Amino acid sequence: MGVITISRGSYSHGKEIAEKLAQKLGYDCISREILLKASEQFNVKEAKLIRALHDAPSFFDRFQYGKEKFSAFIHEVFLGHIRKDNVIYHGMAGHYFARGIPNVLKVRIKATIEDRIKEEMKRGNTSDEEARYLLIKDDEERRKWGIHLYGIDTKDPELYDVILKIDNLKVNDAVEILFDIAKRPCFQTTPESQMILKDRFLAAKAYSAIVHEFPKAIVKCKDAAVYVSIESDLSLGMKMTDQIKALLKDIDEIKEVKTGIIPLGTD
């Protein structure tokens, strides 16, 4: 089986499609769980974090290396969930964290602005003009979040395998189409994709473990061996290596830790 990520704007029927598709495939459907766990690790209440997602992306600038820490935590939690396989995730950044994992079907759901306005008016009891303003503002905020935190534009079609517009296509049509695509061999879990995901998860978990001390570190993993690169004075190399190994010693799945010091000022 496999994994599906669904990116969507507000009132685009992405949540409804995710839930119906998960039921049809027999997959777990997750979204809020990722943010909840990440908020616990970031030590910020979930409600505050949700409000921040509708604020300027500079929210994390209030914390020392806040952007790096939040991205690390949500990355680890997301990969930890999809390692279980047979999962649909709908929400922010799933398509970003799943890049390069071959069995992940990355989907973008769109809806017409007029349909979204009608839904906003109905749910928020607002005027047409106010609903339009709120939706455009929300779309731009989501786009800013993607660019600020991950360096991606959620509108970029290159991020997705499939983009479906809900208009002539209805929700049930989208579910049927995605059900058929998800069954294709290229989106099935294989030993190779499981190994890639395991290494990506271990790299994310290792970075989360050291991000407080080494927020600028670059962490990669191959066959359960973790490689950490840090820009620093060469004279601090031994000390940093000992610190990193101490921070990672309790992650049982890691077989080996190697560090590399990049001399300060090196391109």
C-alpha atoms as a PDB file:
ATOM      1  CA  MET A   1       0.000   0.000   0.000  1.00  0.00           C
ATOM      2  CA  GLY A   2       1.227   3.588   0.332  1.00  0.00           C
ATOM      3  CA  VAL A   3       0.928   7.173   1.554  1.00  0.00           C
ATOM      4  CA  ILE A   4      -1.044  10.149   0.216  1.00  0.00           C
ATOM      5  CA  THR A   5      -0.577  13.824   1.058  1.00  0.00           C
ATOM      6  CA  ILE A   6      -3.350  16.278   0.211  1.00  0.00           C
ATOM      7  CA  SER A   7      -2.678  19.995   0.058  1.00  0.00           C
ATOM      8  CA  ARG A   8      -5.675  22.312  -0.040  1.00  0.00           C
ATOM      9  CA  GLY A   9      -6.861  25.810   0.648  1.00  0.00           C
ATOM     10  CA  SER A  10      -9.708  26.530   3.035  1.00  0.00           C
ATOM     11  CA  TYR A  11     -13.166  25.434   1.824  1.00  0.00           C
ATOM     12  CA  SER A  12     -11.670  23.478  -1.084  1.00  0.00           C
ATOM     13  CA  HIS A  13     -13.172  20.123   0.011  1.00  0.00           C
ATOM     14  CA  GLY A  14      -9.708  18.705   0.678  1.00  0.00           C
ATOM     15  CA  LYS A  15     -10.613  17.463   4.138  1.00  0.00           C
ATOM     16  CA  GLU A  16     -13.801  15.817   2.856  1.00  0.00           C
ATOM     17  CA  ILE A  17     -11.915  14.149   0.007  1.00  0.00           C
ATOM     18  CA  ALA A  18      -9.169  12.944   2.358  1.00  0.00           C
ATOM     19  CA  GLU A  19     -11.646  11.386   4.779  1.00  0.00           C
ATOM     20  CA  LYS A  20     -13.733   9.669   2.078  1.00  0.00           C
ATOM     21  CA  LEU A  21     -10.641   8.402   0.274  1.00  0.00           C
ATOM     22  CA  ALA A  22      -9.161   7.069   3.512  1.00  0.00           C
ATOM     23  CA  GLN A  23     -12.356   5.177   4.234  1.00  0.00           C
ATOM     24  CA  LYS A  24     -12.434   3.712   0.714  1.00  0.00           C
ATOM     25  CA  LEU A  25      -8.757   2.662   0.836  1.00  0.00           C
ATOM     26  CA  GLY A  26      -8.812   1.548   4.460  1.00  0.00           C
ATOM     27  CA  TYR A  27      -6.108   4.098   5.344  1.00  0.00           C
ATOM     28  CA  ASP A  28      -5.698   6.209   8.464  1.00  0.00           C
ATOM     29  CA  CYS A  29      -6.525   9.894   7.941  1.00  0.00           C
ATOM     30  CA  ILE A  30      -4.446  12.417   9.905  1.00  0.00           C
ATOM     31  CA  SER A  31      -4.058  16.181  10.057  1.00  0.00           C
ATOM     32  CA  ARG A  32      -4.443  17.923  13.409  1.00  0.00           C
ATOM     33  CA  GLU A  33      -2.430  15.185  15.165  1.00  0.00           C
ATOM     34  CA  ILE A  34       0.749  16.415  13.462  1.00  0.00           C
ATOM     35  CA  LEU A  35       0.318  19.992  14.672  1.00  0.00           C
ATOM     36  CA  LEU A  36      -0.669  18.866  18.171  1.00  0.00           C
ATOM     37  CA  LYS A  37       2.460  16.762  18.654  1.00  0.00           C
ATOM     38  CA  ALA A  38       4.705  19.431  17.131  1.00  0.00           C
ATOM     39  CA  SER A  39       3.226  22.052  19.464  1.00  0.00           C
ATOM     40  CA  GLU A  40       4.059  19.832  22.450  1.00  0.00           C
ATOM     41  CA  GLN A  41       7.686  19.529  21.353  1.00  0.00           C
ATOM     42  CA  PHE A  42       7.874  23.253  20.574  1.00  0.00           C
ATOM     43  CA  ASN A  43       6.386  23.925  24.022  1.00  0.00           C
ATOM     44  CA  VAL A  44       3.660  26.202  22.652  1.00  0.00           C
ATOM     45  CA  LYS A  45      -0.017  25.519  23.267  1.00  0.00           C
ATOM     46  CA  GLU A  46      -1.803  24.161  20.211  1.00  0.00           C
ATOM     47  CA  ALA A  47      -4.407  26.950  20.230  1.00  0.00           C
ATOM     48  CA  LYS A  48      -1.642  29.557  20.169  1.00  0.00           C
ATOM     49  CA  LEU A  49       0.116  27.752  17.358  1.00  0.00           C
ATOM     50  CA  ILE A  50      -3.098  27.548  15.317  1.00  0.00           C
ATOM     51  CA  ARG A  51      -3.626  31.297  15.791  1.00  0.00           C
ATOM     52  CA  ALA A  52      -0.057  31.829  14.659  1.00  0.00           C
ATOM     53  CA  LEU A  53      -0.814  30.035  11.404  1.00  0.00           C
ATOM     54  CA  HIS A  54      -3.257  32.832  10.644  1.00  0.00           C
ATOM     55  CA  ASP A  55      -0.752  35.501  11.673  1.00  0.00           C
ATOM     56  CA  ALA A  56       2.390  36.686   9.953  1.00  0.00           C
ATOM     57  CA  PRO A  57       4.997  33.936   9.500  1.00  0.00           C
ATOM     58  CA  SER A  58       7.317  36.072  11.612  1.00  0.00           C
ATOM     59  CA  PHE A  59       5.633  34.447  14.674  1.00  0.00           C
ATOM     60  CA  PHE A  60       8.541  32.020  14.990  1.00  0.00           C
ATOM     61  CA  ASP A  61      11.048  34.861  14.855  1.00  0.00           C
ATOM     62  CA  ARG A  62      10.014  35.642  18.432  1.00  0.00           C
ATOM     63  CA  PHE A  63      11.823  32.481  19.498  1.00  0.00           C
ATOM     64  CA  GLN A  64      15.529  31.876  19.125  1.00  0.00           C
ATOM     65  CA  TYR A  65      15.841  29.755  15.985  1.00  0.00           C
ATOM     66  CA  GLY A  66      12.070  29.252  16.183  1.00  0.00           C
ATOM     67  CA  LYS A  67      11.687  28.530  12.474  1.00  0.00           C
ATOM     68  CA  GLU A  68      14.328  25.808  12.517  1.00  0.00           C
ATOM     69  CA  LYS A  69      12.928  24.213  15.677  1.00  0.00           C
ATOM     70  CA  PHE A  70       9.287  24.141  14.580  1.00  0.00           C
ATOM     71  CA  SER A  71      10.192  22.835  11.137  1.00  0.00           C
ATOM     72  CA  ALA A  72      12.337  20.122  12.753  1.00  0.00           C
ATOM     73  CA  PHE A  73       9.577  18.993  15.102  1.00  0.00           C
ATOM     74  CA  ILE A  74       6.780  18.910  12.538  1.00  0.00           C
ATOM     75  CA  HIS A  75       9.088  17.130  10.068  1.00  0.00           C
ATOM     76  CA  GLU A  76       9.900  14.390  12.580  1.00  0.00           C
ATOM     77  CA  VAL A  77       6.267  13.940  13.651  1.00  0.00           C
ATOM     78  CA  PHE A  78       5.024  13.792  10.053  1.00  0.00           C
ATOM     79  CA  LEU A  79       7.581  11.189   8.961  1.00  0.00           C
ATOM     80  CA  GLY A  80       6.948   9.181  12.130  1.00  0.00           C
ATOM     81  CA  HIS A  81       3.249   8.963  11.252  1.00  0.00           C
ATOM     82  CA  ILE A  82       3.669   8.006   7.607  1.00  0.00           C
ATOM     83  CA  ARG A  83       6.221   5.300   8.505  1.00  0.00           C
ATOM     84  CA  LYS A  84       3.204   3.311   9.681  1.00  0.00           C
ATOM     85  CA  ASP A  85       2.103   3.201   6.007  1.00  0.00           C
ATOM     86  CA  ASN A  86      -1.477   3.269   4.685  1.00  0.00           C
ATOM     87  CA  VAL A  87      -1.896   6.924   5.670  1.00  0.00           C
ATOM     88  CA  ILE A  88      -3.523  10.001   4.164  1.00  0.00           C
ATOM     89  CA  TYR A  89      -2.310  13.335   5.500  1.00  0.00           C
ATOM     90  CA  HIS A  90      -4.148  16.550   4.681  1.00  0.00           C
ATOM     91  CA  GLY A  91      -2.621  19.791   5.889  1.00  0.00           C
ATOM     92  CA  MET A  92       0.424  21.987   5.647  1.00  0.00           C
ATOM     93  CA  ALA A  93       3.792  20.906   4.233  1.00  0.00           C
ATOM     94  CA  GLY A  94       3.169  17.180   3.799  1.00  0.00           C
ATOM     95  CA  HIS A  95       4.173  17.356   0.131  1.00  0.00           C
ATOM     96  CA  TYR A  96       7.372  19.164   1.133  1.00  0.00           C
ATOM     97  CA  PHE A  97       8.484  16.625   3.734  1.00  0.00           C
ATOM     98  CA  ALA A  98       7.579  13.723   1.435  1.00  0.00           C
ATOM     99  CA  ARG A  99       9.760  14.855  -1.467  1.00  0.00           C
ATOM    100  CA  GLY A 100      11.963  12.075  -2.754  1.00  0.00           C
ATOM    101  CA  ILE A 101       9.951   9.273  -1.117  1.00  0.00           C
ATOM    102  CA  PRO A 102       8.729   7.258  -4.125  1.00  0.00           C
ATOM    103  CA  ASN A 103       5.552   5.680  -2.731  1.00  0.00           C
ATOM    104  CA  VAL A 104       3.963   8.988  -1.666  1.00  0.00           C
ATOM    105  CA  LEU A 105       1.178  10.318  -3.890  1.00  0.00           C
ATOM    106  CA  LYS A 106       1.215  14.113  -3.569  1.00  0.00           C
ATOM    107  CA  VAL A 107      -2.115  15.767  -4.371  1.00  0.00           C
ATOM    108  CA  ARG A 108      -3.319  19.357  -4.596  1.00  0.00           C
ATOM    109  CA  ILE A 109      -7.077  20.041  -4.399  1.00  0.00           C
ATOM    110  CA  LYS A 110      -8.426  23.296  -5.790  1.00  0.00           C
ATOM    111  CA  ALA A 111     -11.926  24.754  -5.888  1.00  0.00           C
ATOM    112  CA  THR A 112     -13.351  27.788  -7.659  1.00  0.00           C
ATOM    113  CA  ILE A 113     -13.214  31.026  -5.704  1.00  0.00           C
ATOM    114  CA  GLU A 114     -16.966  31.461  -6.125  1.00  0.00           C
ATOM    115  CA  ASP A 115     -17.737  28.095  -4.516  1.00  0.00           C
ATOM    116  CA  ARG A 116     -15.326  28.851  -1.702  1.00  0.00           C
ATOM    117  CA  ILE A 117     -16.948  32.237  -1.129  1.00  0.00           C
ATOM    118  CA  LYS A 118     -20.375  30.622  -0.850  1.00  0.00           C
ATOM    119  CA  GLU A 119     -19.045  28.169   1.734  1.00  0.00           C
ATOM    120  CA  GLU A 120     -17.316  30.947   3.710  1.00  0.00           C
ATOM    121  CA  MET A 121     -20.507  33.012   3.693  1.00  0.00           C
ATOM    122  CA  LYS A 122     -22.544  30.070   4.912  1.00  0.00           C
ATOM    123  CA  ARG A 123     -20.169  28.978   7.681  1.00  0.00           C
ATOM    124  CA  GLY A 124     -19.028  32.418   8.794  1.00  0.00           C
ATOM    125  CA  ASN A 125     -22.300  34.267   8.247  1.00  0.00           C
ATOM    126  CA  THR A 126     -20.453  36.950   6.279  1.00  0.00           C
ATOM    127  CA  SER A 127     -21.128  39.058   3.204  1.00  0.00           C
ATOM    128  CA  ASP A 128     -19.829  38.188  -0.249  1.00  0.00           C
ATOM    129  CA  GLU A 129     -17.259  40.979  -0.077  1.00  0.00           C
ATOM    130  CA  GLU A 130     -16.001  40.011   3.363  1.00  0.00           C
ATOM    131  CA  ALA A 131     -15.836  36.314   2.466  1.00  0.00           C
ATOM    132  CA  ARG A 132     -13.800  37.090  -0.654  1.00  0.00           C
ATOM    133  CA  TYR A 133     -11.384  39.238   1.356  1.00  0.00           C
ATOM    134  CA  LEU A 134     -10.938  36.560   4.042  1.00  0.00           C
ATOM    135  CA  LEU A 135     -10.265  33.798   1.516  1.00  0.00           C
ATOM    136  CA  ILE A 136      -7.732  35.806  -0.469  1.00  0.00           C
ATOM    137  CA  LYS A 137      -6.021  36.804   2.779  1.00  0.00           C
ATOM    138  CA  ASP A 138      -5.966  33.187   4.015  1.00  0.00           C
ATOM    139  CA  ASP A 139      -4.524  31.924   0.719  1.00  0.00           C
ATOM    140  CA  GLU A 140      -1.768  34.529   0.828  1.00  0.00           C
ATOM    141  CA  GLU A 141      -0.943  33.728   4.459  1.00  0.00           C
ATOM    142  CA  ARG A 142      -0.652  30.018   3.675  1.00  0.00           C
ATOM    143  CA  ARG A 143       1.603  30.856   0.737  1.00  0.00           C
ATOM    144  CA  LYS A 144       3.796  33.087   2.919  1.00  0.00           C
ATOM    145  CA  TRP A 145       4.071  30.316   5.514  1.00  0.00           C
ATOM    146  CA  GLY A 146       5.309  27.873   2.881  1.00  0.00           C
ATOM    147  CA  ILE A 147       7.881  30.311   1.547  1.00  0.00           C
ATOM    148  CA  HIS A 148       9.060  31.479   4.984  1.00  0.00           C
ATOM    149  CA  LEU A 149       9.312  28.092   6.693  1.00  0.00           C
ATOM    150  CA  TYR A 150      10.167  25.739   3.842  1.00  0.00           C
ATOM    151  CA  GLY A 151      11.152  27.864   0.865  1.00  0.00           C
ATOM    152  CA  ILE A 152       8.312  26.510  -1.277  1.00  0.00           C
ATOM    153  CA  ASP A 153       5.337  28.120  -2.993  1.00  0.00           C
ATOM    154  CA  THR A 154       2.273  25.929  -2.402  1.00  0.00           C
ATOM    155  CA  LYS A 155       0.913  27.058  -5.782  1.00  0.00           C
ATOM    156  CA  ASP A 156       3.869  25.536  -7.643  1.00  0.00           C
ATOM    157  CA  PRO A 157       2.529  22.558  -9.663  1.00  0.00           C
ATOM    158  CA  GLU A 158       5.979  20.926  -9.598  1.00  0.00           C
ATOM    159  CA  LEU A 159       5.328  19.958  -5.966  1.00  0.00           C
ATOM    160  CA  TYR A 160       2.463  17.601  -6.821  1.00  0.00           C
ATOM    161  CA  ASP A 161       1.794  14.419  -8.755  1.00  0.00           C
ATOM    162  CA  VAL A 162      -1.876  15.323  -9.282  1.00  0.00           C
ATOM    163  CA  ILE A 163      -3.863  18.570  -9.168  1.00  0.00           C
ATOM    164  CA  LEU A 164      -7.661  18.263  -9.153  1.00  0.00           C
ATOM    165  CA  LYS A 165     -10.096  21.137  -9.480  1.00  0.00           C
ATOM    166  CA  ILE A 166     -13.442  20.679  -7.787  1.00  0.00           C
ATOM    167  CA  ASP A 167     -15.929  22.224 -10.184  1.00  0.00           C
ATOM    168  CA  ASN A 168     -17.190  19.959 -12.957  1.00  0.00           C
ATOM    169  CA  LEU A 169     -15.381  17.260 -11.014  1.00  0.00           C
ATOM    170  CA  LYS A 170     -17.230  16.700  -7.747  1.00  0.00           C
ATOM    171  CA  VAL A 171     -15.911  15.368  -4.449  1.00  0.00           C
ATOM    172  CA  ASN A 172     -16.892  11.776  -5.199  1.00  0.00           C
ATOM    173  CA  ASP A 173     -15.302  12.016  -8.653  1.00  0.00           C
ATOM    174  CA  ALA A 174     -12.037  13.149  -7.053  1.00  0.00           C
ATOM    175  CA  VAL A 175     -12.207  10.284  -4.568  1.00  0.00           C
ATOM    176  CA  GLU A 176     -12.667   7.733  -7.359  1.00  0.00           C
ATOM    177  CA  ILE A 177      -9.835   9.202  -9.441  1.00  0.00           C
ATOM    178  CA  LEU A 178      -7.403   9.252  -6.520  1.00  0.00           C
ATOM    179  CA  PHE A 179      -8.449   5.754  -5.472  1.00  0.00           C
ATOM    180  CA  ASP A 180      -7.484   4.437  -8.912  1.00  0.00           C
ATOM    181  CA  ILE A 181      -4.186   6.343  -8.967  1.00  0.00           C
ATOM    182  CA  ALA A 182      -3.259   5.199  -5.457  1.00  0.00           C
ATOM    183  CA  LYS A 183      -3.541   1.575  -6.602  1.00  0.00           C
ATOM    184  CA  ARG A 184      -0.924   2.012  -9.314  1.00  0.00           C
ATOM    185  CA  PRO A 185       2.371   0.133  -8.805  1.00  0.00           C
ATOM    186  CA  CYS A 186       4.455   3.322  -8.653  1.00  0.00           C
ATOM    187  CA  PHE A 187       2.693   4.396  -5.439  1.00  0.00           C
ATOM    188  CA  GLN A 188       2.942   1.066  -3.640  1.00  0.00           C
ATOM    189  CA  THR A 189       5.241   0.605  -0.665  1.00  0.00           C
ATOM    190  CA  THR A 190       8.396  -1.360  -1.447  1.00  0.00           C
ATOM    191  CA  PRO A 191      11.438  -2.384   0.632  1.00  0.00           C
ATOM    192  CA  GLU A 192      13.334   0.418  -1.131  1.00  0.00           C
ATOM    193  CA  SER A 193      10.766   3.080  -0.221  1.00  0.00           C
ATOM    194  CA  GLN A 194      10.644   1.800   3.358  1.00  0.00           C
ATOM    195  CA  MET A 195      14.427   2.144   3.662  1.00  0.00           C
ATOM    196  CA  ILE A 196      14.356   5.664   2.214  1.00  0.00           C
ATOM    197  CA  LEU A 197      11.625   6.646   4.646  1.00  0.00           C
ATOM    198  CA  LYS A 198      13.448   5.057   7.585  1.00  0.00           C
ATOM    199  CA  ASP A 199      16.601   7.023   6.810  1.00  0.00           C
ATOM    200  CA  ARG A 200      14.659  10.254   6.291  1.00  0.00           C
ATOM    201  CA  PHE A 201      12.865   9.729   9.604  1.00  0.00           C
ATOM    202  CA  LEU A 202      16.107   9.019  11.474  1.00  0.00           C
ATOM    203  CA  ALA A 203      17.686  12.146  10.002  1.00  0.00           C
ATOM    204  CA  ALA A 204      14.663  14.202  11.075  1.00  0.00           C
ATOM    205  CA  LYS A 205      14.645  12.635  14.540  1.00  0.00           C
ATOM    206  CA  ALA A 206      18.376  13.256  14.951  1.00  0.00           C
ATOM    207  CA  TYR A 207      18.010  16.896  13.903  1.00  0.00           C
ATOM    208  CA  SER A 208      15.140  17.377  16.383  1.00  0.00           C
ATOM    209  CA  ALA A 209      17.399  15.997  19.111  1.00  0.00           C
ATOM    210  CA  ILE A 210      20.215  18.460  18.401  1.00  0.00           C
ATOM    211  CA  VAL A 211      18.327  21.501  17.074  1.00  0.00           C
ATOM    212  CA  HIS A 212      18.406  23.353  20.427  1.00  0.00           C
ATOM    213  CA  GLU A 213      22.196  23.204  20.498  1.00  0.00           C
ATOM    214  CA  PHE A 214      22.967  23.074  16.785  1.00  0.00           C
ATOM    215  CA  PRO A 215      20.088  24.723  14.856  1.00  0.00           C
ATOM    216  CA  LYS A 216      22.209  25.289  11.742  1.00  0.00           C
ATOM    217  CA  ALA A 217      23.386  21.689  11.472  1.00  0.00           C
ATOM    218  CA  ILE A 218      22.758  19.683   8.305  1.00  0.00           C
ATOM    219  CA  VAL A 219      21.723  16.118   9.105  1.00  0.00           C
ATOM    220  CA  LYS A 220      21.511  13.233   6.655  1.00  0.00           C
ATOM    221  CA  CYS A 221      21.145   9.500   7.082  1.00  0.00           C
ATOM    222  CA  LYS A 222      22.075   6.478   4.979  1.00  0.00           C
ATOM    223  CA  ASP A 223      21.444   2.887   6.068  1.00  0.00           C
ATOM    224  CA  ALA A 224      20.832   4.069   9.654  1.00  0.00           C
ATOM    225  CA  ALA A 225      24.199   5.902   9.792  1.00  0.00           C
ATOM    226  CA  VAL A 226      23.715   9.584  10.637  1.00  0.00           C
ATOM    227  CA  TYR A 227      25.971  12.282   9.198  1.00  0.00           C
ATOM    228  CA  VAL A 228      25.971  15.721  10.847  1.00  0.00           C
ATOM    229  CA  SER A 229      27.660  18.720   9.208  1.00  0.00           C
ATOM    230  CA  ILE A 230      28.246  21.931  11.162  1.00  0.00           C
ATOM    231  CA  GLU A 231      29.923  25.206  10.261  1.00  0.00           C
ATOM    232  CA  SER A 232      32.333  26.073  13.061  1.00  0.00           C
ATOM    233  CA  ASP A 233      35.889  26.774  14.103  1.00  0.00           C
ATOM    234  CA  LEU A 234      37.946  23.643  13.443  1.00  0.00           C
ATOM    235  CA  SER A 235      39.382  23.787  16.968  1.00  0.00           C
ATOM    236  CA  LEU A 236      35.890  23.020  18.335  1.00  0.00           C
ATOM    237  CA  GLY A 237      35.442  19.908  16.218  1.00  0.00           C
ATOM    238  CA  MET A 238      36.176  17.303  18.888  1.00  0.00           C
ATOM    239  CA  LYS A 239      34.034  19.024  21.489  1.00  0.00           C
ATOM    240  CA  MET A 240      31.079  19.327  19.086  1.00  0.00           C
ATOM    241  CA  THR A 241      31.408  15.709  18.005  1.00  0.00           C
ATOM    242  CA  ASP A 242      31.195  14.568  21.634  1.00  0.00           C
ATOM    243  CA  GLN A 243      28.158  16.817  22.231  1.00  0.00           C
ATOM    244  CA  ILE A 244      26.314  15.516  19.194  1.00  0.00           C
ATOM    245  CA  LYS A 245      26.987  11.882  20.013  1.00  0.00           C
ATOM    246  CA  ALA A 246      25.754  12.454  23.557  1.00  0.00           C
ATOM    247  CA  LEU A 247      22.536  14.040  22.276  1.00  0.00           C
ATOM    248  CA  LEU A 248      21.898  11.146  19.876  1.00  0.00           C
ATOM    249  CA  LYS A 249      22.912   8.216  22.069  1.00  0.00           C
ATOM    250  CA  ASP A 250      19.342   7.358  23.122  1.00  0.00           C
ATOM    251  CA  ILE A 251      18.020   6.949  19.545  1.00  0.00           C
ATOM    252  CA  ASP A 252      18.303   3.177  19.293  1.00  0.00           C
ATOM    253  CA  GLU A 253      17.766   2.879  15.541  1.00  0.00           C
ATOM    254  CA  ILE A 254      20.882   4.923  14.757  1.00  0.00           C
ATOM    255  CA  LYS A 255      23.780   2.555  14.086  1.00  0.00           C
ATOM    256  CA  GLU A 256      26.541   5.135  13.705  1.00  0.00           C
ATOM    257  CA  VAL A 257      27.074   8.901  14.042  1.00  0.00           C
ATOM    258  CA  LYS A 258      29.631  10.793  11.975  1.00  0.00           C
ATOM    259  CA  THR A 259      30.295  14.528  12.129  1.00  0.00           C
ATOM    260  CA  GLY A 260      31.942  16.933   9.756  1.00  0.00           C
ATOM    261  CA  ILE A 261      33.106  20.435  10.602  1.00  0.00           C
ATOM    262  CA  ILE A 262      32.827  22.990   7.809  1.00  0.00           C
ATOM    263  CA  PRO A 263      35.376  25.770   8.466  1.00  0.00           C
ATOM    264  CA  LEU A 264      33.766  29.156   9.117  1.00  0.00           C
ATOM    265  CA  GLY A 265      33.521  31.256   5.992  1.00  0.00           C
ATOM    266  CA  THR A 266      33.593  28.274   3.631  1.00  0.00           C
ATOM    267  CA  ASP A 267      31.150  28.497   0.683  1.00  0.00           C
END
